[in-house]
Structure formats: C-alpha cells, structure tokens
Amino acid sequence: MEQHKIFVFGIDQAGKTALISSIREDKLIQGTKPTLSFNITKLITKNIVFQIWDAPGQVSFRDVWIKGIKRAKINIFVLDVLDSPRFEEAKREFEKVLDNPLTRNVPFIFCFHKMDLLESQQNLKKARDFFQLSQIRHRKILSYETSIMKMESLRKFKSTLADIVLDIMW
C-alpha cells in the first residue's frame, strides 16, 4: 500500500507533536517532549496510509526541514496562537517553506493551534490579520483552528487529510 508523506512544521513549542500524536492515537496526548529530530509515524484513515514527518522547530534544527519537504503530499504548519510575540519569527519560517520550489504544487494546511485557551481565542483575529493567508494567491492553503482538547475537531481534521490526498490522486 502506497504511503503519502505529510510534513508537519512550525517553530518550537507550537504544539506540533501533541497535535499529531492526539490525531494519531485518537485521544488527548499531553506532556510531549521537544522534538530533536524528525519524529516519523504512520497514520491510517479512510484506507490511506500517511507517513507523518513531525519536524523539530528549534532554530538549530530548521535547516533539516528540507528533508521533510521532499516528496510531501501535504504540508502542515502549526502556529501557537497564544504566542503572539513570536508571530514574526513563525511567519518568516512559514514563508521559507511556502516559497521553496519543492513545495510548489503541494497543498498547505495552516493550523491556528491551542484554540481551547481563552487567550488564543482573543489572539485569533490578530494572528489571521498578521499571516494574511487569504492574500496568498499562488498556493492552496486551508486553515483550521485546532486544539488537542477537542477530539471531534481533530477527527474531522484527520478525515480532511484523506480527502486532500484523494483529490490529488484523482
């Protein structure tokens, strides 16, 4: 069975590993440790096998993201909406991957993450205004509000991954 690669990236402490682990395990996963190398796992949904490359977000590891970008069918960027002081840094890193020629025909999913927190909900408009995803015309970018505390929304997100790959295949 063919595997479809998903590259998950974002700056450190955005919640990437907890998000992917919660989706994969279909339960709340908390207390993850910082990712220090690619955390490569499998996810099966709708009879589609995904190989998920969860990238480390620390500055010293961002140069290895190129390995994750290669042959990815979907790129997922995770933003900690609560961490507004780091929006500029996060946007810079998002745009580096977005502008990389290897990602030219690859759909992007932008996760406004940690949305279970009141402060994140209050920061959401600021984050949307800052990243201006609707202004990006040369790429298909879907945005989602995510939280590991809301399993039903994560199940829908998981289903969306399969739908995206099915759209690409046909």
C-alpha atoms as a PDB file:
ATOM      1  CA  MET A   1       0.000   0.000   0.000  1.00  0.00           C
ATOM      2  CA  GLU A   2       1.375   3.387  -1.025  1.00  0.00           C
ATOM      3  CA  GLN A   3       2.264   5.821   1.739  1.00  0.00           C
ATOM      4  CA  HIS A   4       1.618   9.534   1.438  1.00  0.00           C
ATOM      5  CA  LYS A   5       4.055  11.818   3.194  1.00  0.00           C
ATOM      6  CA  ILE A   6       2.881  14.692   5.367  1.00  0.00           C
ATOM      7  CA  PHE A   7       5.407  17.289   6.522  1.00  0.00           C
ATOM      8  CA  VAL A   8       4.460  18.990   9.811  1.00  0.00           C
ATOM      9  CA  PHE A   9       6.454  22.066  10.754  1.00  0.00           C
ATOM     10  CA  GLY A  10       6.426  25.245  12.815  1.00  0.00           C
ATOM     11  CA  ILE A  11       8.605  26.946  15.368  1.00  0.00           C
ATOM     12  CA  ASP A  12       9.412  25.291  18.671  1.00  0.00           C
ATOM     13  CA  GLN A  13       6.682  24.928  21.317  1.00  0.00           C
ATOM     14  CA  ALA A  14       3.851  25.344  18.809  1.00  0.00           C
ATOM     15  CA  GLY A  15       2.325  22.014  19.828  1.00  0.00           C
ATOM     16  CA  LYS A  16       3.089  20.020  16.674  1.00  0.00           C
ATOM     17  CA  THR A  17       3.923  16.714  18.351  1.00  0.00           C
ATOM     18  CA  ALA A  18       0.973  16.812  20.749  1.00  0.00           C
ATOM     19  CA  LEU A  19      -1.356  17.667  17.860  1.00  0.00           C
ATOM     20  CA  ILE A  20      -0.116  14.852  15.610  1.00  0.00           C
ATOM     21  CA  SER A  21       0.010  12.340  18.469  1.00  0.00           C
ATOM     22  CA  SER A  22      -3.547  13.189  19.544  1.00  0.00           C
ATOM     23  CA  ILE A  23      -4.811  12.807  15.977  1.00  0.00           C
ATOM     24  CA  ARG A  24      -2.948   9.525  15.504  1.00  0.00           C
ATOM     25  CA  GLU A  25      -3.963   7.992  18.836  1.00  0.00           C
ATOM     26  CA  ASP A  26      -7.486   9.459  18.742  1.00  0.00           C
ATOM     27  CA  LYS A  27      -7.114  10.606  22.335  1.00  0.00           C
ATOM     28  CA  LEU A  28      -5.669  13.506  24.281  1.00  0.00           C
ATOM     29  CA  ILE A  29      -1.863  13.336  24.398  1.00  0.00           C
ATOM     30  CA  GLN A  30      -0.145  15.822  26.689  1.00  0.00           C
ATOM     31  CA  GLY A  31       3.309  16.181  28.144  1.00  0.00           C
ATOM     32  CA  THR A  32       5.303  15.632  24.976  1.00  0.00           C
ATOM     33  CA  LYS A  33       8.999  16.426  24.951  1.00  0.00           C
ATOM     34  CA  PRO A  34      10.696  18.784  22.481  1.00  0.00           C
ATOM     35  CA  THR A  35      11.308  17.099  19.140  1.00  0.00           C
ATOM     36  CA  LEU A  36      15.055  16.886  18.434  1.00  0.00           C
ATOM     37  CA  SER A  37      14.954  15.023  15.122  1.00  0.00           C
ATOM     38  CA  PHE A  38      12.188  14.038  12.754  1.00  0.00           C
ATOM     39  CA  ASN A  39       9.529  12.058  14.560  1.00  0.00           C
ATOM     40  CA  ILE A  40       8.258   9.806  11.755  1.00  0.00           C
ATOM     41  CA  THR A  41       5.000   7.972  12.429  1.00  0.00           C
ATOM     42  CA  LYS A  42       2.178   6.347  10.485  1.00  0.00           C
ATOM     43  CA  LEU A  43      -1.467   7.322  10.379  1.00  0.00           C
ATOM     44  CA  ILE A  44      -4.164   5.342   8.596  1.00  0.00           C
ATOM     45  CA  THR A  45      -7.513   6.896   7.743  1.00  0.00           C
ATOM     46  CA  LYS A  46     -10.047   6.073   5.020  1.00  0.00           C
ATOM     47  CA  ASN A  47      -7.759   3.246   3.862  1.00  0.00           C
ATOM     48  CA  ILE A  48      -4.969   5.745   3.184  1.00  0.00           C
ATOM     49  CA  VAL A  49      -1.591   5.334   4.858  1.00  0.00           C
ATOM     50  CA  PHE A  50       0.237   8.504   5.801  1.00  0.00           C
ATOM     51  CA  GLN A  51       3.839   8.792   6.840  1.00  0.00           C
ATOM     52  CA  ILE A  52       3.955  11.867   9.059  1.00  0.00           C
ATOM     53  CA  TRP A  53       7.223  13.735   9.402  1.00  0.00           C
ATOM     54  CA  ASP A  54       6.952  15.843  12.556  1.00  0.00           C
ATOM     55  CA  ALA A  55       9.836  18.329  12.314  1.00  0.00           C
ATOM     56  CA  PRO A  56      11.808  19.817  15.187  1.00  0.00           C
ATOM     57  CA  GLY A  57      11.076  23.529  15.498  1.00  0.00           C
ATOM     58  CA  GLN A  58      14.155  24.839  17.302  1.00  0.00           C
ATOM     59  CA  VAL A  59      16.286  27.267  15.290  1.00  0.00           C
ATOM     60  CA  SER A  60      19.271  24.901  15.258  1.00  0.00           C
ATOM     61  CA  PHE A  61      17.199  22.159  13.566  1.00  0.00           C
ATOM     62  CA  ARG A  62      15.304  24.167  10.925  1.00  0.00           C
ATOM     63  CA  ASP A  63      17.951  23.575   8.265  1.00  0.00           C
ATOM     64  CA  VAL A  64      16.951  19.860   8.197  1.00  0.00           C
ATOM     65  CA  TRP A  65      13.372  20.733   7.196  1.00  0.00           C
ATOM     66  CA  ILE A  66      14.427  20.292   3.564  1.00  0.00           C
ATOM     67  CA  LYS A  67      14.440  16.509   4.182  1.00  0.00           C
ATOM     68  CA  GLY A  68      10.820  16.696   5.308  1.00  0.00           C
ATOM     69  CA  ILE A  69       9.727  18.865   2.402  1.00  0.00           C
ATOM     70  CA  LYS A  70      10.909  16.425  -0.261  1.00  0.00           C
ATOM     71  CA  ARG A  71       8.073  14.345  -1.748  1.00  0.00           C
ATOM     72  CA  ALA A  72       5.484  15.557   0.783  1.00  0.00           C
ATOM     73  CA  LYS A  73       1.858  15.361  -0.408  1.00  0.00           C
ATOM     74  CA  ILE A  74       0.670  17.803   2.280  1.00  0.00           C
ATOM     75  CA  ASN A  75       2.484  20.425   4.359  1.00  0.00           C
ATOM     76  CA  ILE A  76       1.023  21.297   7.745  1.00  0.00           C
ATOM     77  CA  PHE A  77       2.138  24.437   9.554  1.00  0.00           C
ATOM     78  CA  VAL A  78       1.264  24.713  13.246  1.00  0.00           C
ATOM     79  CA  LEU A  79       1.071  28.117  14.932  1.00  0.00           C
ATOM     80  CA  ASP A  80       0.662  28.594  18.672  1.00  0.00           C
ATOM     81  CA  VAL A  81      -1.914  31.405  18.545  1.00  0.00           C
ATOM     82  CA  LEU A  82      -1.185  32.238  22.167  1.00  0.00           C
ATOM     83  CA  ASP A  83       2.458  33.089  21.354  1.00  0.00           C
ATOM     84  CA  SER A  84       1.887  36.419  19.548  1.00  0.00           C
ATOM     85  CA  PRO A  85       5.372  37.787  20.393  1.00  0.00           C
ATOM     86  CA  ARG A  86       6.763  35.090  18.054  1.00  0.00           C
ATOM     87  CA  PHE A  87       4.358  35.626  15.130  1.00  0.00           C
ATOM     88  CA  GLU A  88       7.038  37.395  13.093  1.00  0.00           C
ATOM     89  CA  GLU A  89       9.503  34.514  13.537  1.00  0.00           C
ATOM     90  CA  ALA A  90       6.795  31.975  12.735  1.00  0.00           C
ATOM     91  CA  LYS A  91       5.747  33.859   9.606  1.00  0.00           C
ATOM     92  CA  ARG A  92       9.338  34.006   8.362  1.00  0.00           C
ATOM     93  CA  GLU A  93       9.686  30.230   8.731  1.00  0.00           C
ATOM     94  CA  PHE A  94       6.286  29.559   7.161  1.00  0.00           C
ATOM     95  CA  GLU A  95       7.167  31.714   4.154  1.00  0.00           C
ATOM     96  CA  LYS A  96      10.538  29.972   3.693  1.00  0.00           C
ATOM     97  CA  VAL A  97       8.774  26.645   3.225  1.00  0.00           C
ATOM     98  CA  LEU A  98       5.915  28.186   1.245  1.00  0.00           C
ATOM     99  CA  ASP A  99       8.407  29.771  -1.179  1.00  0.00           C
ATOM    100  CA  ASN A 100      10.579  26.668  -1.555  1.00  0.00           C
ATOM    101  CA  PRO A 101      10.260  25.315  -5.127  1.00  0.00           C
ATOM    102  CA  LEU A 102       9.881  21.773  -3.746  1.00  0.00           C
ATOM    103  CA  THR A 103       6.524  22.771  -2.246  1.00  0.00           C
ATOM    104  CA  ARG A 104       5.182  24.463  -5.382  1.00  0.00           C
ATOM    105  CA  ASN A 105       2.297  22.032  -6.055  1.00  0.00           C
ATOM    106  CA  VAL A 106       1.771  20.819  -2.517  1.00  0.00           C
ATOM    107  CA  PRO A 107      -1.319  21.858  -0.514  1.00  0.00           C
ATOM    108  CA  PHE A 108      -0.741  23.607   2.799  1.00  0.00           C
ATOM    109  CA  ILE A 109      -2.807  23.333   5.949  1.00  0.00           C
ATOM    110  CA  PHE A 110      -2.308  26.180   8.400  1.00  0.00           C
ATOM    111  CA  CYS A 111      -3.300  25.256  11.970  1.00  0.00           C
ATOM    112  CA  PHE A 112      -4.197  28.060  14.331  1.00  0.00           C
ATOM    113  CA  HIS A 113      -3.404  25.882  17.334  1.00  0.00           C
ATOM    114  CA  LYS A 114      -4.207  25.800  21.061  1.00  0.00           C
ATOM    115  CA  MET A 115      -7.646  27.269  20.438  1.00  0.00           C
ATOM    116  CA  ASP A 116      -9.087  25.794  23.645  1.00  0.00           C
ATOM    117  CA  LEU A 117      -7.440  28.636  25.568  1.00  0.00           C
ATOM    118  CA  LEU A 118      -9.302  31.926  26.060  1.00  0.00           C
ATOM    119  CA  GLU A 119      -6.169  33.961  25.313  1.00  0.00           C
ATOM    120  CA  SER A 120      -5.747  32.113  21.993  1.00  0.00           C
ATOM    121  CA  GLN A 121      -9.328  32.863  21.047  1.00  0.00           C
ATOM    122  CA  GLN A 122      -8.658  36.529  21.802  1.00  0.00           C
ATOM    123  CA  ASN A 123      -5.471  36.422  19.658  1.00  0.00           C
ATOM    124  CA  LEU A 124      -7.067  34.677  16.674  1.00  0.00           C
ATOM    125  CA  LYS A 125      -8.016  37.831  14.754  1.00  0.00           C
ATOM    126  CA  LYS A 126      -4.530  39.252  15.326  1.00  0.00           C
ATOM    127  CA  ALA A 127      -2.983  36.012  14.018  1.00  0.00           C
ATOM    128  CA  ARG A 128      -5.249  35.910  10.948  1.00  0.00           C
ATOM    129  CA  ASP A 129      -4.512  39.570  10.192  1.00  0.00           C
ATOM    130  CA  PHE A 130      -0.781  39.063  10.654  1.00  0.00           C
ATOM    131  CA  PHE A 131      -0.448  35.981   8.431  1.00  0.00           C
ATOM    132  CA  GLN A 132      -2.890  37.229   5.761  1.00  0.00           C
ATOM    133  CA  LEU A 133      -3.469  33.744   4.334  1.00  0.00           C
ATOM    134  CA  SER A 134      -6.303  34.966   2.120  1.00  0.00           C
ATOM    135  CA  GLN A 135      -3.805  37.224   0.324  1.00  0.00           C
ATOM    136  CA  ILE A 136      -1.664  34.275  -0.789  1.00  0.00           C
ATOM    137  CA  ARG A 137      -2.872  33.659  -4.334  1.00  0.00           C
ATOM    138  CA  HIS A 138      -0.236  31.310  -5.733  1.00  0.00           C
ATOM    139  CA  ARG A 139      -0.988  28.437  -3.328  1.00  0.00           C
ATOM    140  CA  LYS A 140      -3.842  26.385  -1.975  1.00  0.00           C
ATOM    141  CA  ILE A 141      -3.886  26.975   1.792  1.00  0.00           C
ATOM    142  CA  LEU A 142      -6.565  25.627   4.077  1.00  0.00           C
ATOM    143  CA  SER A 143      -6.767  26.958   7.611  1.00  0.00           C
ATOM    144  CA  TYR A 144      -8.085  25.191  10.681  1.00  0.00           C
ATOM    145  CA  GLU A 145      -8.493  26.082  14.318  1.00  0.00           C
ATOM    146  CA  THR A 146      -7.106  23.155  16.289  1.00  0.00           C
ATOM    147  CA  SER A 147      -6.831  22.032  19.880  1.00  0.00           C
ATOM    148  CA  ILE A 148      -5.816  18.712  21.368  1.00  0.00           C
ATOM    149  CA  MET A 149      -8.650  19.246  23.855  1.00  0.00           C
ATOM    150  CA  LYS A 150     -11.314  18.999  21.117  1.00  0.00           C
ATOM    151  CA  MET A 151     -11.166  15.454  19.782  1.00  0.00           C
ATOM    152  CA  GLU A 152     -14.171  15.766  17.481  1.00  0.00           C
ATOM    153  CA  SER A 153     -12.500  18.609  15.566  1.00  0.00           C
ATOM    154  CA  LEU A 154      -9.301  16.535  15.335  1.00  0.00           C
ATOM    155  CA  ARG A 155     -11.262  13.624  13.869  1.00  0.00           C
ATOM    156  CA  LYS A 156     -12.637  15.954  11.192  1.00  0.00           C
ATOM    157  CA  PHE A 157      -9.125  17.239  10.566  1.00  0.00           C
ATOM    158  CA  LYS A 158      -7.888  13.654  10.134  1.00  0.00           C
ATOM    159  CA  SER A 159     -10.638  12.981   7.621  1.00  0.00           C
ATOM    160  CA  THR A 160      -9.677  16.148   5.723  1.00  0.00           C
ATOM    161  CA  LEU A 161      -6.137  14.830   5.259  1.00  0.00           C
ATOM    162  CA  ALA A 162      -7.522  11.801   3.432  1.00  0.00           C
ATOM    163  CA  ASP A 163      -9.829  13.971   1.337  1.00  0.00           C
ATOM    164  CA  ILE A 164      -6.904  16.159   0.234  1.00  0.00           C
ATOM    165  CA  VAL A 165      -4.862  13.165  -0.884  1.00  0.00           C
ATOM    166  CA  LEU A 166      -7.857  11.659  -2.674  1.00  0.00           C
ATOM    167  CA  ASP A 167      -8.319  14.964  -4.526  1.00  0.00           C
ATOM    168  CA  ILE A 168      -4.657  14.943  -5.549  1.00  0.00           C
ATOM    169  CA  MET A 169      -4.808  11.344  -6.754  1.00  0.00           C
ATOM    170  CA  TRP A 170      -7.861  11.790  -8.992  1.00  0.00           C
END
